[in-house]
Amino acid sequence: ILAVVLSSACLSAIAQEAGPDIVGLELGMTQAELVAAIR
């Protein structure tokens, strides 16, 4: 269930290096980047 809540991909070291995120969504994203992350 937590994989749905937090997204397992976001727990990777790569995601953590990119900056804090919520299910892959980060501050500073462009609209196109945001939509791609939501998808």
PDB file of all heavy atoms in Angstrom:
ATOM      1  N   ILE A   1       0.837  -1.202   0.000  1.00  0.00           N
ATOM      2  CA  ILE A   1       0.000   0.000   0.000  1.00  0.00           C
ATOM      3  C   ILE A   1       0.868   1.247   0.000  1.00  0.00           C
ATOM      4  O   ILE A   1       0.597   2.227  -0.687  1.00  0.00           O
ATOM      5  CB  ILE A   1      -0.931  -0.011   1.223  1.00  0.00           C
ATOM      6  CG1 ILE A   1      -1.935  -1.167   1.100  1.00  0.00           C
ATOM      7  CG2 ILE A   1      -1.687   1.311   1.354  1.00  0.00           C
ATOM      8  CD1 ILE A   1      -2.713  -1.424   2.366  1.00  0.00           C
ATOM      9  N   LEU A   2       1.973   1.204   0.751  1.00  0.00           N
ATOM     10  CA  LEU A   2       2.848   2.371   0.841  1.00  0.00           C
ATOM     11  C   LEU A   2       3.514   2.693  -0.490  1.00  0.00           C
ATOM     12  O   LEU A   2       3.906   3.829  -0.730  1.00  0.00           O
ATOM     13  CB  LEU A   2       3.912   2.150   1.918  1.00  0.00           C
ATOM     14  CG  LEU A   2       3.394   2.314   3.343  1.00  0.00           C
ATOM     15  CD1 LEU A   2       4.432   1.870   4.338  1.00  0.00           C
ATOM     16  CD2 LEU A   2       2.986   3.738   3.594  1.00  0.00           C
ATOM     17  N   ALA A   3       3.621   1.697  -1.346  1.00  0.00           N
ATOM     18  CA  ALA A   3       4.171   1.961  -2.665  1.00  0.00           C
ATOM     19  C   ALA A   3       3.269   2.923  -3.419  1.00  0.00           C
ATOM     20  O   ALA A   3       3.729   3.746  -4.211  1.00  0.00           O
ATOM     21  CB  ALA A   3       4.313   0.652  -3.458  1.00  0.00           C
ATOM     22  N   VAL A   4       1.974   2.861  -3.145  1.00  0.00           N
ATOM     23  CA  VAL A   4       1.038   3.792  -3.750  1.00  0.00           C
ATOM     24  C   VAL A   4       1.161   5.164  -3.103  1.00  0.00           C
ATOM     25  O   VAL A   4       1.120   6.195  -3.756  1.00  0.00           O
ATOM     26  CB  VAL A   4      -0.413   3.278  -3.606  1.00  0.00           C
ATOM     27  CG1 VAL A   4      -1.396   4.280  -4.175  1.00  0.00           C
ATOM     28  CG2 VAL A   4      -0.560   1.936  -4.292  1.00  0.00           C
ATOM     29  N   VAL A   5       1.333   5.197  -1.777  1.00  0.00           N
ATOM     30  CA  VAL A   5       1.371   6.459  -1.045  1.00  0.00           C
ATOM     31  C   VAL A   5       2.617   7.264  -1.373  1.00  0.00           C
ATOM     32  O   VAL A   5       2.573   8.463  -1.618  1.00  0.00           O
ATOM     33  CB  VAL A   5       1.308   6.201   0.475  1.00  0.00           C
ATOM     34  CG1 VAL A   5       1.419   7.498   1.238  1.00  0.00           C
ATOM     35  CG2 VAL A   5       0.030   5.474   0.835  1.00  0.00           C
ATOM     36  N   LEU A   6       3.756   6.606  -1.375  1.00  0.00           N
ATOM     37  CA  LEU A   6       5.013   7.332  -1.500  1.00  0.00           C
ATOM     38  C   LEU A   6       5.721   7.120  -2.823  1.00  0.00           C
ATOM     39  O   LEU A   6       6.629   7.864  -3.154  1.00  0.00           O
ATOM     40  CB  LEU A   6       5.963   6.913  -0.357  1.00  0.00           C
ATOM     41  CG  LEU A   6       5.463   7.239   1.048  1.00  0.00           C
ATOM     42  CD1 LEU A   6       6.390   6.640   2.084  1.00  0.00           C
ATOM     43  CD2 LEU A   6       5.367   8.732   1.239  1.00  0.00           C
ATOM     44  N   SER A   7       5.329   6.097  -3.587  1.00  0.00           N
ATOM     45  CA  SER A   7       5.967   5.723  -4.840  1.00  0.00           C
ATOM     46  C   SER A   7       7.370   5.171  -4.565  1.00  0.00           C
ATOM     47  O   SER A   7       8.271   5.879  -4.144  1.00  0.00           O
ATOM     48  CB  SER A   7       6.076   6.917  -5.792  1.00  0.00           C
ATOM     49  OG  SER A   7       6.776   6.552  -6.956  1.00  0.00           O
ATOM     50  N   SER A   8       7.539   3.901  -4.819  1.00  0.00           N
ATOM     51  CA  SER A   8       8.805   3.240  -4.505  1.00  0.00           C
ATOM     52  C   SER A   8       9.964   3.847  -5.271  1.00  0.00           C
ATOM     53  O   SER A   8      11.095   3.882  -4.803  1.00  0.00           O
ATOM     54  CB  SER A   8       8.689   1.742  -4.823  1.00  0.00           C
ATOM     55  OG  SER A   8       8.364   1.551  -6.195  1.00  0.00           O
ATOM     56  N   ALA A   9       9.670   4.374  -6.492  1.00  0.00           N
ATOM     57  CA  ALA A   9      10.748   4.973  -7.279  1.00  0.00           C
ATOM     58  C   ALA A   9      11.332   6.185  -6.580  1.00  0.00           C
ATOM     59  O   ALA A   9      12.508   6.499  -6.728  1.00  0.00           O
ATOM     60  CB  ALA A   9      10.218   5.378  -8.662  1.00  0.00           C
ATOM     61  N   CYS A  10      10.487   6.886  -5.789  1.00  0.00           N
ATOM     62  CA  CYS A  10      10.960   8.086  -5.098  1.00  0.00           C
ATOM     63  C   CYS A  10      11.891   7.755  -3.954  1.00  0.00           C
ATOM     64  O   CYS A  10      12.555   8.631  -3.417  1.00  0.00           O
ATOM     65  CB  CYS A  10       9.764   8.874  -4.575  1.00  0.00           C
ATOM     66  SG  CYS A  10       8.670   9.418  -5.877  1.00  0.00           S
ATOM     67  N   LEU A  11      11.942   6.509  -3.532  1.00  0.00           N
ATOM     68  CA  LEU A  11      12.791   6.120  -2.418  1.00  0.00           C
ATOM     69  C   LEU A  11      14.206   5.792  -2.859  1.00  0.00           C
ATOM     70  O   LEU A  11      15.064   5.491  -2.049  1.00  0.00           O
ATOM     71  CB  LEU A  11      12.180   4.900  -1.707  1.00  0.00           C
ATOM     72  CG  LEU A  11      10.800   5.134  -1.099  1.00  0.00           C
ATOM     73  CD1 LEU A  11      10.273   3.845  -0.488  1.00  0.00           C
ATOM     74  CD2 LEU A  11      10.842   6.226  -0.057  1.00  0.00           C
ATOM     75  N   SER A  12      14.445   5.839  -4.173  1.00  0.00           N
ATOM     76  CA  SER A  12      15.769   5.499  -4.679  1.00  0.00           C
ATOM     77  C   SER A  12      16.764   6.606  -4.367  1.00  0.00           C
ATOM     78  O   SER A  12      16.406   7.756  -4.135  1.00  0.00           O
ATOM     79  CB  SER A  12      15.713   5.297  -6.203  1.00  0.00           C
ATOM     80  OG  SER A  12      15.413   6.526  -6.832  1.00  0.00           O
ATOM     81  N   ALA A  13      18.049   6.257  -4.399  1.00  0.00           N
ATOM     82  CA  ALA A  13      19.096   7.245  -4.122  1.00  0.00           C
ATOM     83  C   ALA A  13      19.092   8.341  -5.176  1.00  0.00           C
ATOM     84  O   ALA A  13      19.354   9.504  -4.887  1.00  0.00           O
ATOM     85  CB  ALA A  13      20.462   6.554  -4.096  1.00  0.00           C
ATOM     86  N   ILE A  14      18.762   8.006  -6.413  1.00  0.00           N
ATOM     87  CA  ILE A  14      18.745   8.990  -7.478  1.00  0.00           C
ATOM     88  C   ILE A  14      17.707  10.062  -7.187  1.00  0.00           C
ATOM     89  O   ILE A  14      17.962  11.260  -7.310  1.00  0.00           O
ATOM     90  CB  ILE A  14      18.447   8.318  -8.837  1.00  0.00           C
ATOM     91  CG1 ILE A  14      19.598   7.374  -9.204  1.00  0.00           C
ATOM     92  CG2 ILE A  14      18.254   9.362  -9.926  1.00  0.00           C
ATOM     93  CD1 ILE A  14      19.355   6.589 -10.476  1.00  0.00           C
ATOM     94  N   ALA A  15      16.518   9.626  -6.771  1.00  0.00           N
ATOM     95  CA  ALA A  15      15.448  10.582  -6.473  1.00  0.00           C
ATOM     96  C   ALA A  15      15.818  11.458  -5.293  1.00  0.00           C
ATOM     97  O   ALA A  15      15.541  12.646  -5.280  1.00  0.00           O
ATOM     98  CB  ALA A  15      14.141   9.849  -6.205  1.00  0.00           C
ATOM     99  N   GLN A  16      16.452  10.870  -4.274  1.00  0.00           N
ATOM    100  CA  GLN A  16      16.819  11.641  -3.098  1.00  0.00           C
ATOM    101  C   GLN A  16      17.859  12.692  -3.439  1.00  0.00           C
ATOM    102  O   GLN A  16      17.841  13.794  -2.916  1.00  0.00           O
ATOM    103  CB  GLN A  16      17.329  10.701  -2.006  1.00  0.00           C
ATOM    104  CG  GLN A  16      16.210   9.840  -1.404  1.00  0.00           C
ATOM    105  CD  GLN A  16      16.725   8.913  -0.337  1.00  0.00           C
ATOM    106  OE1 GLN A  16      17.926   8.824  -0.097  1.00  0.00           O
ATOM    107  NE2 GLN A  16      15.820   8.193   0.310  1.00  0.00           N
ATOM    108  N   GLU A  17      18.793  12.373  -4.365  1.00  0.00           N
ATOM    109  CA  GLU A  17      19.803  13.337  -4.751  1.00  0.00           C
ATOM    110  C   GLU A  17      19.192  14.502  -5.514  1.00  0.00           C
ATOM    111  O   GLU A  17      19.675  15.617  -5.484  1.00  0.00           O
ATOM    112  CB  GLU A  17      20.871  12.641  -5.611  1.00  0.00           C
ATOM    113  CG  GLU A  17      21.769  11.689  -4.822  1.00  0.00           C
ATOM    114  CD  GLU A  17      22.734  10.940  -5.725  1.00  0.00           C
ATOM    115  OE1 GLU A  17      22.708  11.192  -6.945  1.00  0.00           O
ATOM    116  OE2 GLU A  17      23.512  10.111  -5.209  1.00  0.00           O
ATOM    117  N   ALA A  18      18.084  14.239  -6.236  1.00  0.00           N
ATOM    118  CA  ALA A  18      17.458  15.273  -7.039  1.00  0.00           C
ATOM    119  C   ALA A  18      16.762  16.313  -6.175  1.00  0.00           C
ATOM    120  O   ALA A  18      16.509  17.416  -6.621  1.00  0.00           O
ATOM    121  CB  ALA A  18      16.467  14.642  -8.013  1.00  0.00           C
ATOM    122  N   GLY A  19      16.443  15.989  -4.933  1.00  0.00           N
ATOM    123  CA  GLY A  19      15.783  16.933  -4.044  1.00  0.00           C
ATOM    124  C   GLY A  19      14.513  16.342  -3.477  1.00  0.00           C
ATOM    125  O   GLY A  19      13.985  15.367  -3.993  1.00  0.00           O
ATOM    126  N   PRO A  20      13.997  16.937  -2.392  1.00  0.00           N
ATOM    127  CA  PRO A  20      12.770  16.420  -1.778  1.00  0.00           C
ATOM    128  C   PRO A  20      11.632  16.412  -2.797  1.00  0.00           C
ATOM    129  O   PRO A  20      11.501  17.323  -3.614  1.00  0.00           O
ATOM    130  CB  PRO A  20      12.492  17.412  -0.651  1.00  0.00           C
ATOM    131  CG  PRO A  20      13.799  18.083  -0.408  1.00  0.00           C
ATOM    132  CD  PRO A  20      14.498  18.132  -1.717  1.00  0.00           C
ATOM    133  N   ASP A  21      10.811  15.384  -2.762  1.00  0.00           N
ATOM    134  CA  ASP A  21       9.718  15.288  -3.704  1.00  0.00           C
ATOM    135  C   ASP A  21       8.509  14.658  -3.032  1.00  0.00           C
ATOM    136  O   ASP A  21       8.605  14.052  -1.972  1.00  0.00           O
ATOM    137  CB  ASP A  21      10.126  14.432  -4.912  1.00  0.00           C
ATOM    138  CG  ASP A  21      10.311  12.969  -4.527  1.00  0.00           C
ATOM    139  OD1 ASP A  21       9.313  12.211  -4.601  1.00  0.00           O
ATOM    140  OD2 ASP A  21      11.429  12.581  -4.119  1.00  0.00           O
ATOM    141  N   ILE A  22       7.373  14.819  -3.668  1.00  0.00           N
ATOM    142  CA  ILE A  22       6.150  14.116  -3.296  1.00  0.00           C
ATOM    143  C   ILE A  22       5.744  13.307  -4.516  1.00  0.00           C
ATOM    144  O   ILE A  22       5.407  13.887  -5.553  1.00  0.00           O
ATOM    145  CB  ILE A  22       5.033  15.089  -2.885  1.00  0.00           C
ATOM    146  CG1 ILE A  22       5.414  15.863  -1.616  1.00  0.00           C
ATOM    147  CG2 ILE A  22       3.717  14.352  -2.655  1.00  0.00           C
ATOM    148  CD1 ILE A  22       4.392  16.885  -1.184  1.00  0.00           C
ATOM    149  N   VAL A  23       5.800  12.000  -4.426  1.00  0.00           N
ATOM    150  CA  VAL A  23       5.557  11.060  -5.537  1.00  0.00           C
ATOM    151  C   VAL A  23       6.210  11.544  -6.836  1.00  0.00           C
ATOM    152  O   VAL A  23       5.620  11.523  -7.912  1.00  0.00           O
ATOM    153  CB  VAL A  23       4.049  10.781  -5.743  1.00  0.00           C
ATOM    154  CG1 VAL A  23       3.479   9.994  -4.595  1.00  0.00           C
ATOM    155  CG2 VAL A  23       3.235  12.054  -5.975  1.00  0.00           C
ATOM    156  N   GLY A  24       7.467  11.994  -6.731  1.00  0.00           N
ATOM    157  CA  GLY A  24       8.225  12.403  -7.907  1.00  0.00           C
ATOM    158  C   GLY A  24       8.052  13.846  -8.316  1.00  0.00           C
ATOM    159  O   GLY A  24       8.714  14.307  -9.250  1.00  0.00           O
ATOM    160  N   LEU A  25       7.185  14.600  -7.641  1.00  0.00           N
ATOM    161  CA  LEU A  25       6.961  16.006  -7.970  1.00  0.00           C
ATOM    162  C   LEU A  25       7.878  16.867  -7.115  1.00  0.00           C
ATOM    163  O   LEU A  25       7.942  16.701  -5.897  1.00  0.00           O
ATOM    164  CB  LEU A  25       5.503  16.396  -7.720  1.00  0.00           C
ATOM    165  CG  LEU A  25       4.426  15.456  -8.262  1.00  0.00           C
ATOM    166  CD1 LEU A  25       3.044  16.009  -7.954  1.00  0.00           C
ATOM    167  CD2 LEU A  25       4.595  15.217  -9.742  1.00  0.00           C
ATOM    168  N   GLU A  26       8.578  17.809  -7.754  1.00  0.00           N
ATOM    169  CA  GLU A  26       9.557  18.629  -7.057  1.00  0.00           C
ATOM    170  C   GLU A  26       9.290  20.113  -7.260  1.00  0.00           C
ATOM    171  O   GLU A  26       8.721  20.524  -8.281  1.00  0.00           O
ATOM    172  CB  GLU A  26      10.968  18.316  -7.550  1.00  0.00           C
ATOM    173  CG  GLU A  26      11.412  16.884  -7.322  1.00  0.00           C
ATOM    174  CD  GLU A  26      12.812  16.629  -7.858  1.00  0.00           C
ATOM    175  OE1 GLU A  26      13.588  17.609  -7.964  1.00  0.00           O
ATOM    176  OE2 GLU A  26      13.122  15.474  -8.184  1.00  0.00           O
ATOM    177  N   LEU A  27       9.740  20.916  -6.301  1.00  0.00           N
ATOM    178  CA  LEU A  27       9.707  22.363  -6.455  1.00  0.00           C
ATOM    179  C   LEU A  27      10.653  22.758  -7.590  1.00  0.00           C
ATOM    180  O   LEU A  27      11.698  22.145  -7.789  1.00  0.00           O
ATOM    181  CB  LEU A  27      10.138  23.052  -5.161  1.00  0.00           C
ATOM    182  CG  LEU A  27       9.259  22.808  -3.938  1.00  0.00           C
ATOM    183  CD1 LEU A  27       9.868  23.476  -2.708  1.00  0.00           C
ATOM    184  CD2 LEU A  27       7.845  23.309  -4.163  1.00  0.00           C
ATOM    185  N   GLY A  28      10.287  23.788  -8.338  1.00  0.00           N
ATOM    186  CA  GLY A  28      11.138  24.254  -9.425  1.00  0.00           C
ATOM    187  C   GLY A  28      10.878  23.586 -10.756  1.00  0.00           C
ATOM    188  O   GLY A  28      11.488  23.954 -11.756  1.00  0.00           O
ATOM    189  N   MET A  29       9.972  22.609 -10.806  1.00  0.00           N
ATOM    190  CA  MET A  29       9.665  21.945 -12.076  1.00  0.00           C
ATOM    191  C   MET A  29       8.928  22.911 -13.014  1.00  0.00           C
ATOM    192  O   MET A  29       8.186  23.788 -12.581  1.00  0.00           O
ATOM    193  CB  MET A  29       8.773  20.722 -11.845  1.00  0.00           C
ATOM    194  CG  MET A  29       9.503  19.473 -11.400  1.00  0.00           C
ATOM    195  SD  MET A  29       8.360  18.051 -11.275  1.00  0.00           S
ATOM    196  CE  MET A  29       9.559  16.701 -11.284  1.00  0.00           C
ATOM    197  N   THR A  30       9.135  22.708 -14.325  1.00  0.00           N
ATOM    198  CA  THR A  30       8.319  23.400 -15.310  1.00  0.00           C
ATOM    199  C   THR A  30       6.969  22.701 -15.396  1.00  0.00           C
ATOM    200  O   THR A  30       6.784  21.604 -14.843  1.00  0.00           O
ATOM    201  CB  THR A  30       8.973  23.375 -16.693  1.00  0.00           C
ATOM    202  OG1 THR A  30       9.062  22.010 -17.146  1.00  0.00           O
ATOM    203  CG2 THR A  30      10.382  23.979 -16.645  1.00  0.00           C
ATOM    204  N   GLN A  31       6.038  23.302 -16.100  1.00  0.00           N
ATOM    205  CA  GLN A  31       4.721  22.670 -16.227  1.00  0.00           C
ATOM    206  C   GLN A  31       4.821  21.334 -16.963  1.00  0.00           C
ATOM    207  O   GLN A  31       4.185  20.351 -16.577  1.00  0.00           O
ATOM    208  CB  GLN A  31       3.757  23.604 -16.962  1.00  0.00           C
ATOM    209  CG  GLN A  31       2.330  23.059 -17.013  1.00  0.00           C
ATOM    210  CD  GLN A  31       1.359  24.041 -17.643  1.00  0.00           C
ATOM    211  OE1 GLN A  31       1.664  25.211 -17.827  1.00  0.00           O
ATOM    212  NE2 GLN A  31       0.175  23.559 -17.990  1.00  0.00           N
ATOM    213  N   ALA A  32       5.641  21.283 -17.997  1.00  0.00           N
ATOM    214  CA  ALA A  32       5.802  20.038 -18.746  1.00  0.00           C
ATOM    215  C   ALA A  32       6.420  18.948 -17.878  1.00  0.00           C
ATOM    216  O   ALA A  32       5.995  17.777 -17.928  1.00  0.00           O
ATOM    217  CB  ALA A  32       6.667  20.279 -19.990  1.00  0.00           C
ATOM    218  N   GLU A  33       7.418  19.324 -17.083  1.00  0.00           N
ATOM    219  CA  GLU A  33       8.048  18.349 -16.189  1.00  0.00           C
ATOM    220  C   GLU A  33       7.068  17.852 -15.138  1.00  0.00           C
ATOM    221  O   GLU A  33       7.040  16.664 -14.800  1.00  0.00           O
ATOM    222  CB  GLU A  33       9.276  18.975 -15.523  1.00  0.00           C
ATOM    223  CG  GLU A  33      10.435  19.238 -16.481  1.00  0.00           C
ATOM    224  CD  GLU A  33      11.525  20.085 -15.861  1.00  0.00           C
ATOM    225  OE1 GLU A  33      11.261  20.776 -14.857  1.00  0.00           O
ATOM    226  OE2 GLU A  33      12.665  20.062 -16.390  1.00  0.00           O
ATOM    227  N   LEU A  34       6.262  18.773 -14.608  1.00  0.00           N
ATOM    228  CA  LEU A  34       5.277  18.400 -13.602  1.00  0.00           C
ATOM    229  C   LEU A  34       4.252  17.420 -14.167  1.00  0.00           C
ATOM    230  O   LEU A  34       3.964  16.390 -13.556  1.00  0.00           O
ATOM    231  CB  LEU A  34       4.559  19.645 -13.082  1.00  0.00           C
ATOM    232  CG  LEU A  34       3.434  19.348 -12.092  1.00  0.00           C
ATOM    233  CD1 LEU A  34       3.987  19.162 -10.691  1.00  0.00           C
ATOM    234  CD2 LEU A  34       2.382  20.438 -12.118  1.00  0.00           C
ATOM    235  N   VAL A  35       3.710  17.728 -15.329  1.00  0.00           N
ATOM    236  CA  VAL A  35       2.704  16.852 -15.939  1.00  0.00           C
ATOM    237  C   VAL A  35       3.286  15.479 -16.217  1.00  0.00           C
ATOM    238  O   VAL A  35       2.638  14.453 -15.984  1.00  0.00           O
ATOM    239  CB  VAL A  35       2.145  17.495 -17.226  1.00  0.00           C
ATOM    240  CG1 VAL A  35       1.271  16.503 -17.987  1.00  0.00           C
ATOM    241  CG2 VAL A  35       1.346  18.748 -16.889  1.00  0.00           C
ATOM    242  N   ALA A  36       4.533  15.436 -16.699  1.00  0.00           N
ATOM    243  CA  ALA A  36       5.178  14.145 -16.969  1.00  0.00           C
ATOM    244  C   ALA A  36       5.339  13.346 -15.681  1.00  0.00           C
ATOM    245  O   ALA A  36       5.137  12.124 -15.671  1.00  0.00           O
ATOM    246  CB  ALA A  36       6.539  14.380 -17.630  1.00  0.00           C
ATOM    247  N   ALA A  37       5.695  14.035 -14.581  1.00  0.00           N
ATOM    248  CA  ALA A  37       5.864  13.343 -13.298  1.00  0.00           C
ATOM    249  C   ALA A  37       4.531  12.827 -12.775  1.00  0.00           C
ATOM    250  O   ALA A  37       4.449  11.737 -12.200  1.00  0.00           O
ATOM    251  CB  ALA A  37       6.512  14.286 -12.274  1.00  0.00           C
ATOM    252  N   ILE A  38       3.467  13.612 -12.965  1.00  0.00           N
ATOM    253  CA  ILE A  38       2.136  13.156 -12.541  1.00  0.00           C
ATOM    254  C   ILE A  38       1.723  11.930 -13.339  1.00  0.00           C
ATOM    255  O   ILE A  38       1.206  10.948 -12.787  1.00  0.00           O
ATOM    256  CB  ILE A  38       1.099  14.291 -12.714  1.00  0.00           C
ATOM    257  CG1 ILE A  38       1.366  15.413 -11.713  1.00  0.00           C
ATOM    258  CG2 ILE A  38      -0.324  13.748 -12.519  1.00  0.00           C
ATOM    259  CD1 ILE A  38       0.496  16.636 -11.906  1.00  0.00           C
ATOM    260  N   ARG A  39       1.956  11.956 -14.647  1.00  0.00           N
ATOM    261  CA  ARG A  39       1.614  10.817 -15.495  1.00  0.00           C
ATOM    262  C   ARG A  39       2.420   9.579 -15.106  1.00  0.00           C
ATOM    263  O   ARG A  39       1.908   8.453 -15.142  1.00  0.00           O
ATOM    264  CB  ARG A  39       1.859  11.158 -16.965  1.00  0.00           C
ATOM    265  CG  ARG A  39       0.882  12.189 -17.543  1.00  0.00           C
ATOM    266  CD  ARG A  39      -0.533  11.732 -17.409  1.00  0.00           C
ATOM    267  NE  ARG A  39      -1.481  12.580 -18.141  1.00  0.00           N
ATOM    268  CZ  ARG A  39      -2.755  12.655 -17.863  1.00  0.00           C
ATOM    269  NH1 ARG A  39      -3.262  11.967 -16.837  1.00  0.00           N
ATOM    270  NH2 ARG A  39      -3.559  13.428 -18.572  1.00  0.00           N
TER     271      ARG A  39
END
